């Protein structure tokens, strides 16, 4: 008989906030963005990935805003493409 146990580590069983903050720091560094404090990132962790992207990478995402004739790519797609995720 086989048995499988699945864990959803979204903060219910494990406090993963520090891990998420670390990921934001690494992505900002990979994108050549200035470092932000942990306290600036923490309020956006566990609020959903879209909110995290918009709040923690706002300076990066604004680079394409207002370009005539261009629709901004999805946040997740752009970060994935440019960071090799």
N, C-alpha and C. Protein backbone atom coordinates (compact mmCIF):
# COMPACT_ATOMS: atom_id res chain seq x y z
N UNK A 1 0.84 -1.17 0.00
CA UNK A 1 0.00 0.00 0.00
C UNK A 1 0.89 1.24 0.00
N UNK A 2 0.53 2.22 -0.82
CA UNK A 2 1.25 3.49 -0.90
C UNK A 2 0.56 4.53 -0.05
N UNK A 3 1.35 5.45 0.43
CA UNK A 3 0.80 6.54 1.23
C UNK A 3 1.49 7.83 0.82
N UNK A 4 0.73 8.88 0.65
CA UNK A 4 1.29 10.18 0.29
C UNK A 4 0.78 11.23 1.27
N UNK A 5 1.69 12.07 1.70
CA UNK A 5 1.33 13.19 2.56
C UNK A 5 1.72 14.46 1.84
N UNK A 6 0.79 15.38 1.69
CA UNK A 6 1.05 16.66 1.04
C UNK A 6 0.92 17.77 2.07
N UNK A 7 1.86 18.68 2.04
CA UNK A 7 1.82 19.82 2.95
C UNK A 7 1.76 21.11 2.15
N UNK A 8 0.90 21.98 2.52
CA UNK A 8 0.80 23.29 1.90
C UNK A 8 1.45 24.28 2.86
N UNK A 9 2.67 24.69 2.52
CA UNK A 9 3.43 25.55 3.44
C UNK A 9 3.19 27.03 3.13
N UNK A 10 1.96 27.44 3.27
CA UNK A 10 1.56 28.82 2.97
C UNK A 10 1.53 29.71 4.21
N UNK A 11 2.10 29.22 5.27
CA UNK A 11 2.11 30.00 6.50
C UNK A 11 1.25 29.41 7.60
N UNK A 12 0.45 28.40 7.26
CA UNK A 12 -0.40 27.78 8.26
C UNK A 12 0.41 26.84 9.15
N UNK A 13 1.22 25.99 8.55
CA UNK A 13 2.03 25.03 9.30
C UNK A 13 3.44 25.54 9.57
N UNK A 14 3.89 26.43 8.75
CA UNK A 14 5.24 26.96 8.87
C UNK A 14 5.22 28.46 8.61
N UNK A 15 5.99 29.19 9.35
CA UNK A 15 6.10 30.63 9.12
C UNK A 15 7.13 30.85 8.02
N UNK A 16 6.66 31.05 6.81
CA UNK A 16 7.55 31.15 5.65
C UNK A 16 7.81 32.60 5.23
N UNK A 17 7.42 33.55 6.07
CA UNK A 17 7.58 34.95 5.70
C UNK A 17 9.03 35.33 5.43
N UNK A 18 9.95 34.87 6.23
CA UNK A 18 11.37 35.20 6.04
C UNK A 18 11.89 34.62 4.73
N UNK A 19 11.39 33.43 4.37
CA UNK A 19 11.79 32.83 3.09
C UNK A 19 11.32 33.69 1.92
N UNK A 20 10.09 34.18 2.00
CA UNK A 20 9.55 35.02 0.93
C UNK A 20 10.33 36.34 0.83
N UNK A 21 10.67 36.91 1.95
CA UNK A 21 11.47 38.14 1.96
C UNK A 21 12.81 37.89 1.30
N UNK A 22 13.42 36.77 1.60
CA UNK A 22 14.70 36.40 1.00
C UNK A 22 14.59 36.27 -0.51
N UNK A 23 13.50 35.69 -0.99
CA UNK A 23 13.29 35.56 -2.43
C UNK A 23 13.16 36.94 -3.08
N UNK A 24 12.43 37.84 -2.45
CA UNK A 24 12.29 39.20 -2.98
C UNK A 24 13.66 39.86 -3.08
N UNK A 25 14.48 39.72 -2.05
CA UNK A 25 15.82 40.31 -2.08
C UNK A 25 16.64 39.74 -3.25
N UNK A 26 16.58 38.42 -3.44
CA UNK A 26 17.36 37.79 -4.52
C UNK A 26 16.87 38.23 -5.89
N UNK A 27 15.55 38.32 -6.07
CA UNK A 27 15.02 38.77 -7.35
C UNK A 27 15.37 40.22 -7.64
N UNK A 28 15.26 41.07 -6.64
CA UNK A 28 15.61 42.48 -6.84
C UNK A 28 17.09 42.60 -7.22
N UNK A 29 17.93 41.81 -6.58
CA UNK A 29 19.35 41.84 -6.92
C UNK A 29 19.57 41.36 -8.35
N UNK A 30 18.89 40.27 -8.75
CA UNK A 30 19.04 39.73 -10.10
C UNK A 30 18.58 40.73 -11.15
N UNK A 31 17.60 41.56 -10.81
CA UNK A 31 17.08 42.58 -11.73
C UNK A 31 17.87 43.88 -11.67
N UNK A 32 18.87 43.94 -10.79
CA UNK A 32 19.68 45.15 -10.67
C UNK A 32 18.98 46.28 -9.93
N UNK A 33 18.03 45.93 -9.08
CA UNK A 33 17.27 46.93 -8.32
C UNK A 33 17.90 47.14 -6.96
N UNK A 34 17.74 48.32 -6.38
CA UNK A 34 18.27 48.56 -5.03
C UNK A 34 17.57 47.69 -3.99
N UNK A 35 18.30 47.36 -2.98
CA UNK A 35 17.76 46.54 -1.89
C UNK A 35 16.74 47.33 -1.08
N UNK A 36 15.70 46.66 -0.64
CA UNK A 36 14.70 47.24 0.26
C UNK A 36 14.82 46.57 1.62
N UNK A 37 14.36 47.24 2.63
CA UNK A 37 14.43 46.66 3.97
C UNK A 37 13.41 45.53 4.10
N UNK A 38 13.69 44.63 5.02
CA UNK A 38 12.74 43.56 5.32
C UNK A 38 11.39 44.15 5.73
N UNK A 39 11.43 45.23 6.50
CA UNK A 39 10.18 45.85 6.97
C UNK A 39 9.36 46.43 5.83
N UNK A 40 10.00 46.82 4.74
CA UNK A 40 9.26 47.33 3.58
C UNK A 40 8.59 46.21 2.80
N UNK A 41 9.13 45.02 2.88
CA UNK A 41 8.60 43.87 2.14
C UNK A 41 7.56 43.10 2.95
N UNK A 42 7.79 42.97 4.23
CA UNK A 42 6.98 42.12 5.10
C UNK A 42 5.46 42.35 5.00
N UNK A 43 4.97 43.59 4.94
CA UNK A 43 3.51 43.77 4.87
C UNK A 43 2.87 43.14 3.63
N UNK A 44 3.64 42.87 2.59
CA UNK A 44 3.10 42.35 1.34
C UNK A 44 3.19 40.84 1.25
N UNK A 45 3.91 40.21 2.16
CA UNK A 45 4.03 38.75 2.16
C UNK A 45 2.71 38.16 2.66
N UNK A 46 2.28 37.10 2.01
CA UNK A 46 1.03 36.39 2.32
C UNK A 46 -0.21 37.20 1.99
N UNK A 47 -0.09 38.16 1.08
CA UNK A 47 -1.25 38.93 0.59
C UNK A 47 -1.60 38.51 -0.83
N UNK A 48 -0.95 37.48 -1.34
CA UNK A 48 -1.14 37.04 -2.71
C UNK A 48 0.05 37.49 -3.56
N UNK A 49 0.40 36.67 -4.53
CA UNK A 49 1.59 36.95 -5.34
C UNK A 49 1.43 38.23 -6.17
N UNK A 50 0.26 38.48 -6.69
CA UNK A 50 0.06 39.69 -7.50
C UNK A 50 0.35 40.94 -6.67
N UNK A 51 -0.14 40.97 -5.44
CA UNK A 51 0.12 42.11 -4.55
C UNK A 51 1.61 42.22 -4.22
N UNK A 52 2.24 41.08 -3.97
CA UNK A 52 3.67 41.08 -3.66
C UNK A 52 4.47 41.63 -4.84
N UNK A 53 4.15 41.17 -6.05
CA UNK A 53 4.85 41.66 -7.25
C UNK A 53 4.67 43.16 -7.41
N UNK A 54 3.43 43.62 -7.31
CA UNK A 54 3.16 45.04 -7.53
C UNK A 54 3.83 45.93 -6.48
N UNK A 55 3.87 45.47 -5.23
CA UNK A 55 4.43 46.29 -4.16
C UNK A 55 5.95 46.23 -4.10
N UNK A 56 6.50 45.06 -4.33
CA UNK A 56 7.94 44.88 -4.14
C UNK A 56 8.77 45.09 -5.40
N UNK A 57 8.10 45.15 -6.55
CA UNK A 57 8.81 45.36 -7.81
C UNK A 57 8.20 46.52 -8.59
N UNK A 58 7.57 47.45 -7.87
CA UNK A 58 6.90 48.57 -8.51
C UNK A 58 7.86 49.39 -9.36
N UNK A 59 9.07 49.61 -8.88
CA UNK A 59 10.05 50.40 -9.64
C UNK A 59 10.44 49.69 -10.92
N UNK A 60 10.51 48.40 -10.90
CA UNK A 60 10.84 47.60 -12.08
C UNK A 60 9.69 47.60 -13.08
N UNK A 61 8.48 47.43 -12.58
CA UNK A 61 7.31 47.34 -13.45
C UNK A 61 6.97 48.67 -14.11
N UNK A 62 7.32 49.77 -13.48
CA UNK A 62 7.02 51.08 -14.04
C UNK A 62 7.86 51.40 -15.27
N UNK A 63 8.91 50.66 -15.52
CA UNK A 63 9.80 50.92 -16.64
C UNK A 63 9.07 50.86 -17.98
N UNK A 64 8.07 49.99 -18.10
CA UNK A 64 7.34 49.86 -19.36
C UNK A 64 6.06 50.67 -19.41
N UNK A 65 5.63 51.20 -18.29
CA UNK A 65 4.37 51.93 -18.29
C UNK A 65 4.45 53.17 -19.15
N UNK A 66 3.41 53.42 -19.87
CA UNK A 66 3.34 54.63 -20.67
C UNK A 66 4.01 54.53 -22.03
N UNK A 67 4.61 53.38 -22.34
CA UNK A 67 5.21 53.22 -23.66
C UNK A 67 4.10 53.13 -24.69
N UNK A 68 4.07 54.03 -25.68
CA UNK A 68 2.97 54.04 -26.65
C UNK A 68 2.90 52.74 -27.45
N UNK A 69 1.68 52.23 -27.59
CA UNK A 69 1.46 51.05 -28.40
C UNK A 69 1.89 49.74 -27.76
N UNK A 70 2.30 49.79 -26.53
CA UNK A 70 2.73 48.56 -25.87
C UNK A 70 1.82 48.25 -24.71
N UNK A 71 1.36 47.03 -24.67
CA UNK A 71 0.60 46.63 -23.50
C UNK A 71 1.58 45.97 -22.54
N UNK A 72 1.51 46.29 -21.26
CA UNK A 72 2.48 45.73 -20.32
C UNK A 72 2.31 44.22 -20.22
N UNK A 73 3.43 43.48 -20.22
CA UNK A 73 3.33 42.03 -20.05
C UNK A 73 2.86 41.70 -18.66
N UNK A 74 2.40 40.48 -18.48
CA UNK A 74 1.98 40.09 -17.14
C UNK A 74 3.17 40.19 -16.20
N UNK A 75 2.91 40.52 -14.98
CA UNK A 75 3.97 40.66 -13.99
C UNK A 75 4.72 39.36 -13.83
N UNK A 76 3.99 38.30 -13.62
CA UNK A 76 4.63 36.99 -13.41
C UNK A 76 5.43 36.59 -14.63
N UNK A 77 4.87 36.78 -15.83
CA UNK A 77 5.56 36.42 -17.06
C UNK A 77 6.85 37.21 -17.24
N UNK A 78 6.78 38.48 -16.96
CA UNK A 78 7.96 39.33 -17.13
C UNK A 78 9.07 38.95 -16.14
N UNK A 79 8.72 38.77 -14.88
CA UNK A 79 9.72 38.38 -13.89
C UNK A 79 10.29 37.00 -14.22
N UNK A 80 9.43 36.09 -14.62
CA UNK A 80 9.89 34.74 -14.95
C UNK A 80 10.86 34.76 -16.13
N UNK A 81 10.50 35.49 -17.15
CA UNK A 81 11.31 35.56 -18.37
C UNK A 81 12.67 36.18 -18.08
N UNK A 82 12.69 37.29 -17.39
CA UNK A 82 13.93 38.04 -17.21
C UNK A 82 14.80 37.48 -16.09
N UNK A 83 14.24 36.67 -15.22
CA UNK A 83 15.04 36.10 -14.13
C UNK A 83 15.29 34.60 -14.36
N UNK A 84 14.83 34.09 -15.49
CA UNK A 84 15.05 32.69 -15.79
C UNK A 84 14.31 31.74 -14.87
N UNK A 85 13.13 32.14 -14.45
CA UNK A 85 12.36 31.29 -13.53
C UNK A 85 11.47 30.34 -14.30
